[in-house]
Amino acid sequence: MRAVVMNAPGDVSVETVETPRVVKPTDVVIQLAAACVCGSDLWPYRGLEGSFEEPRRMGHEYVGTVVEKGAEVATLDLGDFVIGSFMLSDGTCEICRDGYPSRCVNAGEYTGSQAEYMRVELADGSLVKVPGGRPDDPDRLADYLAASDVLGTGWYAAVAAQAGPGRTIAVVGDGAVGLCAVLAATSLGAERVIAFSRHEDRAALAREFGADVVIAERGEEGAQKVKELTGGYGAHGVCEAVGTQGSMDQALASVRPGGHVGFVGVSHDQTINGLDLFFREVHLEGGPAPVRRFLPELIELIRSGEIQPGKVFTQRVPLEQAAEAYAAMNERREIKVLLEV
């Protein structure tokens, strides 16, 4: 089969590799319908995430059809169209039952989704069947693909930021996750949603997803804009969707005392002032999003047409053009690129 391989920073190719098969009785093999490039894929692409001892199979966002399954898989059948999270889980350990399947103590592995096929362990706990099967509409397919990561991650950020009626939520980061956090905060009933963005195409999509205000300023000036909109207090909650020191500083500067910060950007060299948190009584929750927790709800919202998160995909290219997809996102020419398999 054909699969995307990162050979070294900046070096992405599509290679012929062995097609995966079921290995464990809890495995399935999925024929991918679509995959995509994630913002977190750009960290190793830019050489900012360790060294390359050997080429890496890429991809962790996926939708597809079950074409082979192990003897112990009980909830899925051949031909089922499924969505899974980027973190696998058995769904039965105490951590999973507490709502954090992304930290499952028995977490499984997969072979990489930027490919024609992938093997997924712990299928019963990790995958969710989509009623009605694979959609014919390519836009609906894109919506479901977004649920595998960026929508679920943005949703977690909004939940952690306590988005809901009567609350103002600010979103730091205008990539696909940040834009989905805007969509999530709106869907969860936030009274006002503020997005930080300096790019008109991203700001336009943030407004389409429900942002009431878009702020271009950064740092203290940006935080002051938030305070001006909230009676001097700051936002009730802030979604941090980048993972840098600057984005975390912006989130903490924009939240009110007693407020909530949901941080889901992959952390890179962030430090936090504990004394500031202590005296402002700021709540923090974040990390790898427990997407599996939210998937059933998100699938229904997509099926009903209430949300269209697939709009974050601003370019669609064949799998063979993966190198261009990485370059386009790295150069910020596109928000997110869908790979057609």
C-alpha atoms as a PDB file:
ATOM      1  CA  MET A   1       0.000   0.000   0.000  1.00  0.00           C
ATOM      2  CA  ARG A   2       0.993   3.657  -0.190  1.00  0.00           C
ATOM      3  CA  ALA A   3       1.779   5.572   2.988  1.00  0.00           C
ATOM      4  CA  VAL A   4       3.267   8.919   4.023  1.00  0.00           C
ATOM      5  CA  VAL A   5       6.735   8.765   5.563  1.00  0.00           C
ATOM      6  CA  MET A   6       8.710  11.575   7.197  1.00  0.00           C
ATOM      7  CA  ASN A   7      12.356  10.776   6.534  1.00  0.00           C
ATOM      8  CA  ALA A   8      13.829  13.836   8.258  1.00  0.00           C
ATOM      9  CA  PRO A   9      12.720  17.379   9.079  1.00  0.00           C
ATOM     10  CA  GLY A  10      11.237  18.906   5.937  1.00  0.00           C
ATOM     11  CA  ASP A  11      11.497  15.624   4.018  1.00  0.00           C
ATOM     12  CA  VAL A  12       8.124  13.950   3.414  1.00  0.00           C
ATOM     13  CA  SER A  13       7.533  11.254   0.821  1.00  0.00           C
ATOM     14  CA  VAL A  14       4.898   8.698  -0.120  1.00  0.00           C
ATOM     15  CA  GLU A  15       6.308   5.168  -0.104  1.00  0.00           C
ATOM     16  CA  THR A  16       5.142   1.646  -0.811  1.00  0.00           C
ATOM     17  CA  VAL A  17       5.022  -0.251   2.497  1.00  0.00           C
ATOM     18  CA  GLU A  18       3.575  -3.507   3.730  1.00  0.00           C
ATOM     19  CA  THR A  19      -0.209  -3.478   4.108  1.00  0.00           C
ATOM     20  CA  PRO A  20      -1.114  -4.001   7.785  1.00  0.00           C
ATOM     21  CA  ARG A  21      -3.020  -7.069   8.919  1.00  0.00           C
ATOM     22  CA  VAL A  22      -4.712  -8.027  12.183  1.00  0.00           C
ATOM     23  CA  VAL A  23      -2.110  -9.077  14.748  1.00  0.00           C
ATOM     24  CA  LYS A  24      -4.007  -9.141  18.045  1.00  0.00           C
ATOM     25  CA  PRO A  25      -7.550 -10.443  18.591  1.00  0.00           C
ATOM     26  CA  THR A  26      -8.698  -6.925  19.571  1.00  0.00           C
ATOM     27  CA  ASP A  27      -7.384  -5.338  16.323  1.00  0.00           C
ATOM     28  CA  VAL A  28      -9.148  -4.150  13.224  1.00  0.00           C
ATOM     29  CA  VAL A  29      -7.757  -3.052   9.885  1.00  0.00           C
ATOM     30  CA  ILE A  30      -9.400   0.027   8.353  1.00  0.00           C
ATOM     31  CA  GLN A  31      -9.445   1.053   4.729  1.00  0.00           C
ATOM     32  CA  LEU A  32      -9.013   4.801   5.010  1.00  0.00           C
ATOM     33  CA  ALA A  33     -11.554   7.092   3.369  1.00  0.00           C
ATOM     34  CA  ALA A  34      -9.617  10.274   4.174  1.00  0.00           C
ATOM     35  CA  ALA A  35      -6.775  11.503   6.355  1.00  0.00           C
ATOM     36  CA  CYS A  36      -5.137  14.877   6.906  1.00  0.00           C
ATOM     37  CA  VAL A  37      -2.107  16.791   8.101  1.00  0.00           C
ATOM     38  CA  CYS A  38      -2.220  18.073  11.679  1.00  0.00           C
ATOM     39  CA  GLY A  39      -0.574  21.132  13.137  1.00  0.00           C
ATOM     40  CA  SER A  40       1.253  18.829  15.534  1.00  0.00           C
ATOM     41  CA  ASP A  41       2.771  17.034  12.513  1.00  0.00           C
ATOM     42  CA  LEU A  42       4.571  20.298  11.772  1.00  0.00           C
ATOM     43  CA  TRP A  43       6.652  20.167  14.943  1.00  0.00           C
ATOM     44  CA  PRO A  44       8.852  17.270  13.691  1.00  0.00           C
ATOM     45  CA  TYR A  45       8.595  18.660  10.147  1.00  0.00           C
ATOM     46  CA  ARG A  46      10.256  21.837  11.424  1.00  0.00           C
ATOM     47  CA  GLY A  47      12.879  19.901  13.370  1.00  0.00           C
ATOM     48  CA  LEU A  48      11.465  20.947  16.740  1.00  0.00           C
ATOM     49  CA  GLU A  49      10.623  17.529  18.129  1.00  0.00           C
ATOM     50  CA  GLY A  50      13.648  15.348  18.809  1.00  0.00           C
ATOM     51  CA  SER A  51      15.920  13.586  16.365  1.00  0.00           C
ATOM     52  CA  PHE A  52      15.078  11.123  13.595  1.00  0.00           C
ATOM     53  CA  GLU A  53      16.646   7.742  14.236  1.00  0.00           C
ATOM     54  CA  GLU A  54      14.595   6.247  11.420  1.00  0.00           C
ATOM     55  CA  PRO A  55      11.803   7.353   9.058  1.00  0.00           C
ATOM     56  CA  ARG A  56       8.382   7.796  10.677  1.00  0.00           C
ATOM     57  CA  ARG A  57       4.984   6.691   9.416  1.00  0.00           C
ATOM     58  CA  MET A  58       2.712   9.701   9.772  1.00  0.00           C
ATOM     59  CA  GLY A  59      -0.923  10.473  10.557  1.00  0.00           C
ATOM     60  CA  HIS A  60      -3.288  10.218  13.514  1.00  0.00           C
ATOM     61  CA  GLU A  61      -6.630  11.532  12.192  1.00  0.00           C
ATOM     62  CA  TYR A  62      -8.797   9.071  10.343  1.00  0.00           C
ATOM     63  CA  VAL A  63     -12.136   7.818   9.113  1.00  0.00           C
ATOM     64  CA  GLY A  64     -12.583   4.576   7.255  1.00  0.00           C
ATOM     65  CA  THR A  65     -14.231   1.216   6.771  1.00  0.00           C
ATOM     66  CA  VAL A  66     -13.466  -1.933   8.753  1.00  0.00           C
ATOM     67  CA  VAL A  67     -12.114  -4.555   6.328  1.00  0.00           C
ATOM     68  CA  GLU A  68     -10.585  -7.042   8.760  1.00  0.00           C
ATOM     69  CA  LYS A  69     -11.156  -7.680  12.455  1.00  0.00           C
ATOM     70  CA  GLY A  70      -9.782  -9.832  15.241  1.00  0.00           C
ATOM     71  CA  ALA A  71     -11.687 -12.655  16.881  1.00  0.00           C
ATOM     72  CA  GLU A  72     -12.391 -10.687  20.081  1.00  0.00           C
ATOM     73  CA  VAL A  73     -13.784  -7.519  18.472  1.00  0.00           C
ATOM     74  CA  ALA A  74     -17.408  -7.462  19.622  1.00  0.00           C
ATOM     75  CA  THR A  75     -18.920  -4.082  18.752  1.00  0.00           C
ATOM     76  CA  LEU A  76     -17.809  -3.656  15.139  1.00  0.00           C
ATOM     77  CA  ASP A  77     -18.508  -5.583  11.948  1.00  0.00           C
ATOM     78  CA  LEU A  78     -16.847  -5.745   8.575  1.00  0.00           C
ATOM     79  CA  GLY A  79     -18.112  -2.859   6.462  1.00  0.00           C
ATOM     80  CA  ASP A  80     -18.738  -0.505   9.391  1.00  0.00           C
ATOM     81  CA  PHE A  81     -17.667   3.092   8.794  1.00  0.00           C
ATOM     82  CA  VAL A  82     -15.801   4.306  11.881  1.00  0.00           C
ATOM     83  CA  ILE A  83     -14.078   7.280  13.477  1.00  0.00           C
ATOM     84  CA  GLY A  84     -11.334   6.983  16.050  1.00  0.00           C
ATOM     85  CA  SER A  85      -9.280   9.256  18.252  1.00  0.00           C
ATOM     86  CA  PHE A  86      -5.551   9.886  17.957  1.00  0.00           C
ATOM     87  CA  MET A  87      -5.158   8.101  21.336  1.00  0.00           C
ATOM     88  CA  LEU A  88      -6.366   4.517  21.694  1.00  0.00           C
ATOM     89  CA  SER A  89      -8.138   3.226  24.788  1.00  0.00           C
ATOM     90  CA  ASP A  90      -9.724   0.063  26.126  1.00  0.00           C
ATOM     91  CA  GLY A  91     -12.699   1.973  27.560  1.00  0.00           C
ATOM     92  CA  THR A  92     -12.672  -0.121  30.742  1.00  0.00           C
ATOM     93  CA  CYS A  93      -9.811   1.076  32.974  1.00  0.00           C
ATOM     94  CA  GLU A  94     -10.495   3.516  35.820  1.00  0.00           C
ATOM     95  CA  ILE A  95      -9.007   6.435  33.891  1.00  0.00           C
ATOM     96  CA  CYS A  96     -11.229   5.749  30.864  1.00  0.00           C
ATOM     97  CA  ARG A  97     -14.283   5.443  33.083  1.00  0.00           C
ATOM     98  CA  ASP A  98     -13.428   8.792  34.673  1.00  0.00           C
ATOM     99  CA  GLY A  99     -13.634  10.419  31.241  1.00  0.00           C
ATOM    100  CA  TYR A 100      -9.972  10.543  30.204  1.00  0.00           C
ATOM    101  CA  PRO A 101      -9.518   7.773  27.620  1.00  0.00           C
ATOM    102  CA  SER A 102      -6.567   9.654  26.123  1.00  0.00           C
ATOM    103  CA  ARG A 103      -4.662   8.591  29.262  1.00  0.00           C
ATOM    104  CA  CYS A 104      -5.831   4.952  29.257  1.00  0.00           C
ATOM    105  CA  VAL A 105      -3.449   2.807  31.298  1.00  0.00           C
ATOM    106  CA  ASN A 106      -3.733   0.073  28.652  1.00  0.00           C
ATOM    107  CA  ALA A 107      -3.428   2.368  25.639  1.00  0.00           C
ATOM    108  CA  GLY A 108      -2.913   0.707  22.271  1.00  0.00           C
ATOM    109  CA  GLU A 109      -1.130   1.634  19.064  1.00  0.00           C
ATOM    110  CA  TYR A 110      -1.904   2.148  15.385  1.00  0.00           C
ATOM    111  CA  THR A 111       0.150   2.123  12.202  1.00  0.00           C
ATOM    112  CA  GLY A 112      -0.401   5.677  10.901  1.00  0.00           C
ATOM    113  CA  SER A 113      -3.405   7.104   9.103  1.00  0.00           C
ATOM    114  CA  GLN A 114      -1.799   8.960   6.205  1.00  0.00           C
ATOM    115  CA  ALA A 115      -2.037   5.756   4.216  1.00  0.00           C
ATOM    116  CA  GLU A 116      -4.433   3.512   2.349  1.00  0.00           C
ATOM    117  CA  TYR A 117      -4.918   1.142   5.305  1.00  0.00           C
ATOM    118  CA  MET A 118      -4.150   1.201   9.036  1.00  0.00           C
ATOM    119  CA  ARG A 119      -4.228  -1.292  11.892  1.00  0.00           C
ATOM    120  CA  VAL A 120      -5.929  -0.132  15.087  1.00  0.00           C
ATOM    121  CA  GLU A 121      -5.558  -1.941  18.403  1.00  0.00           C
ATOM    122  CA  LEU A 122      -8.267  -1.973  21.101  1.00  0.00           C
ATOM    123  CA  ALA A 123     -10.915  -1.413  18.452  1.00  0.00           C
ATOM    124  CA  ASP A 124     -13.941  -1.829  20.722  1.00  0.00           C
ATOM    125  CA  GLY A 125     -12.773   0.891  23.095  1.00  0.00           C
ATOM    126  CA  SER A 126     -11.250   3.229  20.536  1.00  0.00           C
ATOM    127  CA  LEU A 127     -13.564   3.378  17.520  1.00  0.00           C
ATOM    128  CA  VAL A 128     -17.110   4.636  17.095  1.00  0.00           C
ATOM    129  CA  LYS A 129     -19.400   3.423  14.318  1.00  0.00           C
ATOM    130  CA  VAL A 130     -21.082   6.126  12.245  1.00  0.00           C
ATOM    131  CA  PRO A 131     -24.768   5.304  11.632  1.00  0.00           C
ATOM    132  CA  GLY A 132     -25.629   5.081   7.971  1.00  0.00           C
ATOM    133  CA  GLY A 133     -22.160   4.160   6.797  1.00  0.00           C
ATOM    134  CA  ARG A 134     -19.718   6.151   4.722  1.00  0.00           C
ATOM    135  CA  PRO A 135     -21.326   9.372   3.458  1.00  0.00           C
ATOM    136  CA  ASP A 136     -21.440  10.120  -0.248  1.00  0.00           C
ATOM    137  CA  ASP A 137     -21.111  13.854   0.402  1.00  0.00           C
ATOM    138  CA  PRO A 138     -17.392  14.816   0.504  1.00  0.00           C
ATOM    139  CA  ASP A 139     -18.175  17.744   2.799  1.00  0.00           C
ATOM    140  CA  ARG A 140     -19.847  15.437   5.324  1.00  0.00           C
ATOM    141  CA  LEU A 141     -16.853  13.110   5.087  1.00  0.00           C
ATOM    142  CA  ALA A 142     -14.619  16.091   5.929  1.00  0.00           C
ATOM    143  CA  ASP A 143     -16.845  16.910   8.908  1.00  0.00           C
ATOM    144  CA  TYR A 144     -16.408  13.394  10.276  1.00  0.00           C
ATOM    145  CA  LEU A 145     -12.654  13.503   9.702  1.00  0.00           C
ATOM    146  CA  ALA A 146     -12.434  16.732  11.713  1.00  0.00           C
ATOM    147  CA  ALA A 147     -14.113  14.955  14.641  1.00  0.00           C
ATOM    148  CA  SER A 148     -11.178  12.544  14.892  1.00  0.00           C
ATOM    149  CA  ASP A 149      -8.908  15.248  16.298  1.00  0.00           C
ATOM    150  CA  VAL A 150      -9.316  18.972  15.750  1.00  0.00           C
ATOM    151  CA  LEU A 151     -13.020  19.152  16.555  1.00  0.00           C
ATOM    152  CA  GLY A 152     -12.699  16.840  19.542  1.00  0.00           C
ATOM    153  CA  THR A 153      -9.642  18.733  20.756  1.00  0.00           C
ATOM    154  CA  GLY A 154     -11.300  22.126  20.350  1.00  0.00           C
ATOM    155  CA  TRP A 155     -14.371  20.737  22.093  1.00  0.00           C
ATOM    156  CA  TYR A 156     -12.268  19.608  25.051  1.00  0.00           C
ATOM    157  CA  ALA A 157     -10.648  23.042  25.252  1.00  0.00           C
ATOM    158  CA  ALA A 158     -14.081  24.679  25.404  1.00  0.00           C
ATOM    159  CA  VAL A 159     -15.378  22.187  27.983  1.00  0.00           C
ATOM    160  CA  ALA A 160     -12.271  22.716  30.128  1.00  0.00           C
ATOM    161  CA  ALA A 161     -12.740  26.479  29.811  1.00  0.00           C
ATOM    162  CA  GLN A 162     -16.286  25.986  31.143  1.00  0.00           C
ATOM    163  CA  ALA A 163     -18.003  27.334  28.035  1.00  0.00           C
ATOM    164  CA  GLY A 164     -21.730  27.742  28.573  1.00  0.00           C
ATOM    165  CA  PRO A 165     -24.607  30.206  28.923  1.00  0.00           C
ATOM    166  CA  GLY A 166     -23.756  33.554  30.456  1.00  0.00           C
ATOM    167  CA  ARG A 167     -20.026  33.098  29.936  1.00  0.00           C
ATOM    168  CA  THR A 168     -17.438  34.840  27.758  1.00  0.00           C
ATOM    169  CA  ILE A 169     -14.868  32.527  26.195  1.00  0.00           C
ATOM    170  CA  ALA A 170     -11.679  33.699  24.487  1.00  0.00           C
ATOM    171  CA  VAL A 171      -9.727  31.492  22.095  1.00  0.00           C
ATOM    172  CA  VAL A 172      -5.966  31.837  21.621  1.00  0.00           C
ATOM    173  CA  GLY A 173      -4.875  30.253  18.354  1.00  0.00           C
ATOM    174  CA  ASP A 174      -6.472  30.506  14.913  1.00  0.00           C
ATOM    175  CA  GLY A 175      -5.408  27.147  13.518  1.00  0.00           C
ATOM    176  CA  ALA A 176      -7.866  24.312  12.993  1.00  0.00           C
ATOM    177  CA  VAL A 177      -8.040  23.453  16.709  1.00  0.00           C
ATOM    178  CA  GLY A 178      -8.576  27.048  17.770  1.00  0.00           C
ATOM    179  CA  LEU A 179     -11.258  27.528  15.134  1.00  0.00           C
ATOM    180  CA  CYS A 180     -12.980  24.352  16.321  1.00  0.00           C
ATOM    181  CA  ALA A 181     -12.773  25.681  19.879  1.00  0.00           C
ATOM    182  CA  VAL A 182     -14.707  28.736  18.657  1.00  0.00           C
ATOM    183  CA  LEU A 183     -17.290  26.402  17.110  1.00  0.00           C
ATOM    184  CA  ALA A 184     -17.438  24.349  20.312  1.00  0.00           C
ATOM    185  CA  ALA A 185     -17.825  27.343  22.620  1.00  0.00           C
ATOM    186  CA  THR A 186     -20.656  28.621  20.431  1.00  0.00           C
ATOM    187  CA  SER A 187     -22.344  25.202  20.338  1.00  0.00           C
ATOM    188  CA  LEU A 188     -22.063  24.878  24.113  1.00  0.00           C
ATOM    189  CA  GLY A 189     -24.005  28.109  24.498  1.00  0.00           C
ATOM    190  CA  ALA A 190     -21.350  30.679  25.415  1.00  0.00           C
ATOM    191  CA  GLU A 191     -22.846  34.161  25.566  1.00  0.00           C
ATOM    192  CA  ARG A 192     -19.858  35.732  23.825  1.00  0.00           C
ATOM    193  CA  VAL A 193     -16.885  34.217  22.001  1.00  0.00           C
ATOM    194  CA  ILE A 194     -13.691  36.177  21.378  1.00  0.00           C
ATOM    195  CA  ALA A 195     -11.098  34.930  18.897  1.00  0.00           C
ATOM    196  CA  PHE A 196      -7.496  36.092  18.579  1.00  0.00           C
ATOM    197  CA  SER A 197      -6.431  36.261  14.917  1.00  0.00           C
ATOM    198  CA  ARG A 198      -4.318  38.421  12.632  1.00  0.00           C
ATOM    199  CA  HIS A 199      -5.201  36.559   9.437  1.00  0.00           C
ATOM    200  CA  GLU A 200      -8.367  37.596   7.641  1.00  0.00           C
ATOM    201  CA  ASP A 201      -9.140  34.163   6.169  1.00  0.00           C
ATOM    202  CA  ARG A 202      -8.934  32.567   9.606  1.00  0.00           C
ATOM    203  CA  ALA A 203     -10.790  35.444  11.243  1.00  0.00           C
ATOM    204  CA  ALA A 204     -13.562  35.074   8.655  1.00  0.00           C
ATOM    205  CA  LEU A 205     -13.952  31.375   9.474  1.00  0.00           C
ATOM    206  CA  ALA A 206     -13.884  32.165  13.207  1.00  0.00           C
ATOM    207  CA  ARG A 207     -16.797  34.551  12.666  1.00  0.00           C
ATOM    208  CA  GLU A 208     -18.624  31.927  10.612  1.00  0.00           C
ATOM    209  CA  PHE A 209     -18.135  29.476  13.481  1.00  0.00           C
ATOM    210  CA  GLY A 210     -19.651  31.969  15.914  1.00  0.00           C
ATOM    211  CA  ALA A 211     -16.974  34.394  17.112  1.00  0.00           C
ATOM    212  CA  ASP A 212     -18.569  37.660  18.155  1.00  0.00           C
ATOM    213  CA  VAL A 213     -15.301  39.596  18.284  1.00  0.00           C
ATOM    214  CA  VAL A 214     -11.896  39.064  16.655  1.00  0.00           C
ATOM    215  CA  ILE A 215      -8.853  40.648  18.307  1.00  0.00           C
ATOM    216  CA  ALA A 216      -5.645  41.169  16.317  1.00  0.00           C
ATOM    217  CA  GLU A 217      -3.577  42.554  19.191  1.00  0.00           C
ATOM    218  CA  ARG A 218      -1.293  40.345  21.292  1.00  0.00           C
ATOM    219  CA  GLY A 219       0.295  40.450  24.719  1.00  0.00           C
ATOM    220  CA  GLU A 220      -0.947  42.921  27.290  1.00  0.00           C
ATOM    221  CA  GLU A 221      -2.635  44.978  24.585  1.00  0.00           C
ATOM    222  CA  GLY A 222      -4.639  41.939  23.516  1.00  0.00           C
ATOM    223  CA  ALA A 223      -5.492  41.053  27.100  1.00  0.00           C
ATOM    224  CA  GLN A 224      -6.626  44.621  27.698  1.00  0.00           C
ATOM    225  CA  LYS A 225      -9.023  44.331  24.751  1.00  0.00           C
ATOM    226  CA  VAL A 226     -10.558  41.269  26.392  1.00  0.00           C
ATOM    227  CA  LYS A 227     -10.902  43.118  29.680  1.00  0.00           C
ATOM    228  CA  GLU A 228     -12.544  46.072  27.957  1.00  0.00           C
ATOM    229  CA  LEU A 229     -15.158  43.669  26.609  1.00  0.00           C
ATOM    230  CA  THR A 230     -15.788  42.098  30.005  1.00  0.00           C
ATOM    231  CA  GLY A 231     -16.166  45.006  32.365  1.00  0.00           C
ATOM    232  CA  GLY A 232     -12.491  44.931  33.297  1.00  0.00           C
ATOM    233  CA  TYR A 233     -12.586  41.351  34.588  1.00  0.00           C
ATOM    234  CA  GLY A 234     -11.244  39.229  31.738  1.00  0.00           C
ATOM    235  CA  ALA A 235     -12.847  36.210  30.099  1.00  0.00           C
ATOM    236  CA  HIS A 236     -14.598  33.564  32.178  1.00  0.00           C
ATOM    237  CA  GLY A 237     -12.663  30.955  30.239  1.00  0.00           C
ATOM    238  CA  VAL A 238      -9.871  30.806  27.688  1.00  0.00           C
ATOM    239  CA  CYS A 239      -9.008  28.063  25.196  1.00  0.00           C
ATOM    240  CA  GLU A 240      -5.261  27.841  24.521  1.00  0.00           C
ATOM    241  CA  ALA A 241      -4.717  26.000  21.226  1.00  0.00           C
ATOM    242  CA  VAL A 242      -1.095  26.614  20.231  1.00  0.00           C
ATOM    243  CA  GLY A 243       1.333  25.271  22.835  1.00  0.00           C
ATOM    244  CA  THR A 244       3.967  28.006  22.953  1.00  0.00           C
ATOM    245  CA  GLN A 245       5.036  30.245  25.805  1.00  0.00           C
ATOM    246  CA  GLY A 246       3.449  33.226  24.098  1.00  0.00           C
ATOM    247  CA  SER A 247       0.095  31.521  23.681  1.00  0.00           C
ATOM    248  CA  MET A 248      -0.010  30.378  27.308  1.00  0.00           C
ATOM    249  CA  ASP A 249       0.988  33.853  28.514  1.00  0.00           C
ATOM    250  CA  GLN A 250      -1.805  35.308  26.358  1.00  0.00           C
ATOM    251  CA  ALA A 251      -4.347  32.870  27.777  1.00  0.00           C
ATOM    252  CA  LEU A 252      -3.387  33.542  31.387  1.00  0.00           C
ATOM    253  CA  ALA A 253      -3.335  37.297  30.848  1.00  0.00           C
ATOM    254  CA  SER A 254      -6.823  37.193  29.307  1.00  0.00           C
ATOM    255  CA  VAL A 255      -8.620  35.130  31.954  1.00  0.00           C
ATOM    256  CA  ARG A 256     -10.290  36.632  35.021  1.00  0.00           C
ATOM    257  CA  PRO A 257      -9.551  35.673  38.639  1.00  0.00           C
ATOM    258  CA  GLY A 258     -11.284  32.386  39.319  1.00  0.00           C
ATOM    259  CA  GLY A 259     -11.513  31.700  35.581  1.00  0.00           C
ATOM    260  CA  HIS A 260     -10.706  28.545  33.639  1.00  0.00           C
ATOM    261  CA  VAL A 261      -8.029  27.868  31.014  1.00  0.00           C
ATOM    262  CA  GLY A 262      -8.375  24.823  28.766  1.00  0.00           C
ATOM    263  CA  PHE A 263      -4.984  24.202  27.187  1.00  0.00           C
ATOM    264  CA  VAL A 264      -4.744  21.715  24.337  1.00  0.00           C
ATOM    265  CA  GLY A 265      -1.871  22.968  22.187  1.00  0.00           C
ATOM    266  CA  VAL A 266       1.017  20.482  22.376  1.00  0.00           C
ATOM    267  CA  SER A 267       3.261  22.092  24.989  1.00  0.00           C
ATOM    268  CA  HIS A 268       6.715  23.208  23.851  1.00  0.00           C
ATOM    269  CA  ASP A 269       8.955  24.796  26.484  1.00  0.00           C
ATOM    270  CA  GLN A 270       6.089  26.406  28.402  1.00  0.00           C
ATOM    271  CA  THR A 271       6.565  27.580  31.975  1.00  0.00           C
ATOM    272  CA  ILE A 272       3.838  28.889  34.274  1.00  0.00           C
ATOM    273  CA  ASN A 273       4.099  31.331  37.161  1.00  0.00           C
ATOM    274  CA  GLY A 274       2.681  29.362  40.084  1.00  0.00           C
ATOM    275  CA  LEU A 275       2.433  32.422  42.341  1.00  0.00           C
ATOM    276  CA  ASP A 276       0.292  34.202  39.734  1.00  0.00           C
ATOM    277  CA  LEU A 277      -2.029  31.191  39.513  1.00  0.00           C
ATOM    278  CA  PHE A 278      -2.186  30.993  43.285  1.00  0.00           C
ATOM    279  CA  PHE A 279      -3.258  34.582  43.880  1.00  0.00           C
ATOM    280  CA  ARG A 280      -5.598  34.787  40.877  1.00  0.00           C
ATOM    281  CA  GLU A 281      -7.129  31.370  41.599  1.00  0.00           C
ATOM    282  CA  VAL A 282      -7.031  30.344  37.952  1.00  0.00           C
ATOM    283  CA  HIS A 283      -8.162  26.815  37.058  1.00  0.00           C
ATOM    284  CA  LEU A 284      -6.129  24.836  34.514  1.00  0.00           C
ATOM    285  CA  GLU A 285      -7.154  21.702  32.646  1.00  0.00           C
ATOM    286  CA  GLY A 286      -5.683  20.359  29.458  1.00  0.00           C
ATOM    287  CA  GLY A 287      -3.464  17.893  27.701  1.00  0.00           C
ATOM    288  CA  PRO A 288      -4.144  15.346  24.959  1.00  0.00           C
ATOM    289  CA  ALA A 289      -7.878  15.661  24.383  1.00  0.00           C
ATOM    290  CA  PRO A 290     -10.101  12.737  25.449  1.00  0.00           C
ATOM    291  CA  VAL A 291     -11.688  12.777  21.995  1.00  0.00           C
ATOM    292  CA  ARG A 292     -13.238   9.328  22.410  1.00  0.00           C
ATOM    293  CA  ARG A 293     -15.405  10.735  25.237  1.00  0.00           C
ATOM    294  CA  PHE A 294     -16.972  13.258  22.893  1.00  0.00           C
ATOM    295  CA  LEU A 295     -17.220  11.289  19.643  1.00  0.00           C
ATOM    296  CA  PRO A 296     -20.795   9.957  20.007  1.00  0.00           C
ATOM    297  CA  GLU A 297     -22.115  13.469  20.693  1.00  0.00           C
ATOM    298  CA  LEU A 298     -20.050  15.040  17.911  1.00  0.00           C
ATOM    299  CA  ILE A 299     -21.152  12.439  15.374  1.00  0.00           C
ATOM    300  CA  GLU A 300     -24.799  13.219  16.123  1.00  0.00           C
ATOM    301  CA  LEU A 301     -24.223  16.974  15.842  1.00  0.00           C
ATOM    302  CA  ILE A 302     -22.613  16.419  12.443  1.00  0.00           C
ATOM    303  CA  ARG A 303     -25.316  13.997  11.257  1.00  0.00           C
ATOM    304  CA  SER A 304     -28.023  16.502  12.181  1.00  0.00           C
ATOM    305  CA  GLY A 305     -26.258  19.283  10.321  1.00  0.00           C
ATOM    306  CA  GLU A 306     -25.893  21.431  13.440  1.00  0.00           C
ATOM    307  CA  ILE A 307     -22.155  21.848  12.949  1.00  0.00           C
ATOM    308  CA  GLN A 308     -19.891  21.717   9.871  1.00  0.00           C
ATOM    309  CA  PRO A 309     -16.339  21.481  11.260  1.00  0.00           C
ATOM    310  CA  GLY A 310     -14.998  20.236   7.917  1.00  0.00           C
ATOM    311  CA  LYS A 311     -14.798  23.862   6.799  1.00  0.00           C
ATOM    312  CA  VAL A 312     -11.375  23.984   8.486  1.00  0.00           C
ATOM    313  CA  PHE A 313     -10.066  21.993   5.498  1.00  0.00           C
ATOM    314  CA  THR A 314      -9.112  24.702   3.041  1.00  0.00           C
ATOM    315  CA  GLN A 315      -7.366  22.379   0.606  1.00  0.00           C
ATOM    316  CA  ARG A 316      -7.909  18.777  -0.512  1.00  0.00           C
ATOM    317  CA  VAL A 317      -5.200  16.846  -2.356  1.00  0.00           C
ATOM    318  CA  PRO A 318      -4.535  13.200  -3.216  1.00  0.00           C
ATOM    319  CA  LEU A 319      -2.431  11.184  -0.783  1.00  0.00           C
ATOM    320  CA  GLU A 320       0.418  11.214  -3.303  1.00  0.00           C
ATOM    321  CA  GLN A 321       0.699  14.997  -2.868  1.00  0.00           C
ATOM    322  CA  ALA A 322       1.348  14.786   0.882  1.00  0.00           C
ATOM    323  CA  ALA A 323       4.649  16.673   0.612  1.00  0.00           C
ATOM    324  CA  GLU A 324       2.801  19.681  -0.831  1.00  0.00           C
ATOM    325  CA  ALA A 325       0.176  19.396   1.916  1.00  0.00           C
ATOM    326  CA  TYR A 326       2.882  19.648   4.596  1.00  0.00           C
ATOM    327  CA  ALA A 327       4.539  22.582   2.837  1.00  0.00           C
ATOM    328  CA  ALA A 328       1.246  24.450   2.429  1.00  0.00           C
ATOM    329  CA  MET A 329       0.435  24.160   6.130  1.00  0.00           C
ATOM    330  CA  ASN A 330       3.981  24.913   7.233  1.00  0.00           C
ATOM    331  CA  GLU A 331       3.929  28.116   5.169  1.00  0.00           C
ATOM    332  CA  ARG A 332       0.438  28.970   6.465  1.00  0.00           C
ATOM    333  CA  ARG A 333      -0.951  29.030   2.941  1.00  0.00           C
ATOM    334  CA  GLU A 334      -3.706  26.686   4.135  1.00  0.00           C
ATOM    335  CA  ILE A 335      -5.423  26.210   7.492  1.00  0.00           C
ATOM    336  CA  LYS A 336      -5.629  22.426   7.211  1.00  0.00           C
ATOM    337  CA  VAL A 337      -5.163  20.019   4.302  1.00  0.00           C
ATOM    338  CA  LEU A 338      -7.266  16.897   3.721  1.00  0.00           C
ATOM    339  CA  LEU A 339      -5.612  13.920   2.040  1.00  0.00           C
ATOM    340  CA  GLU A 340      -7.919  12.036  -0.288  1.00  0.00           C
ATOM    341  CA  VAL A 341      -7.184   8.313  -0.097  1.00  0.00           C
END
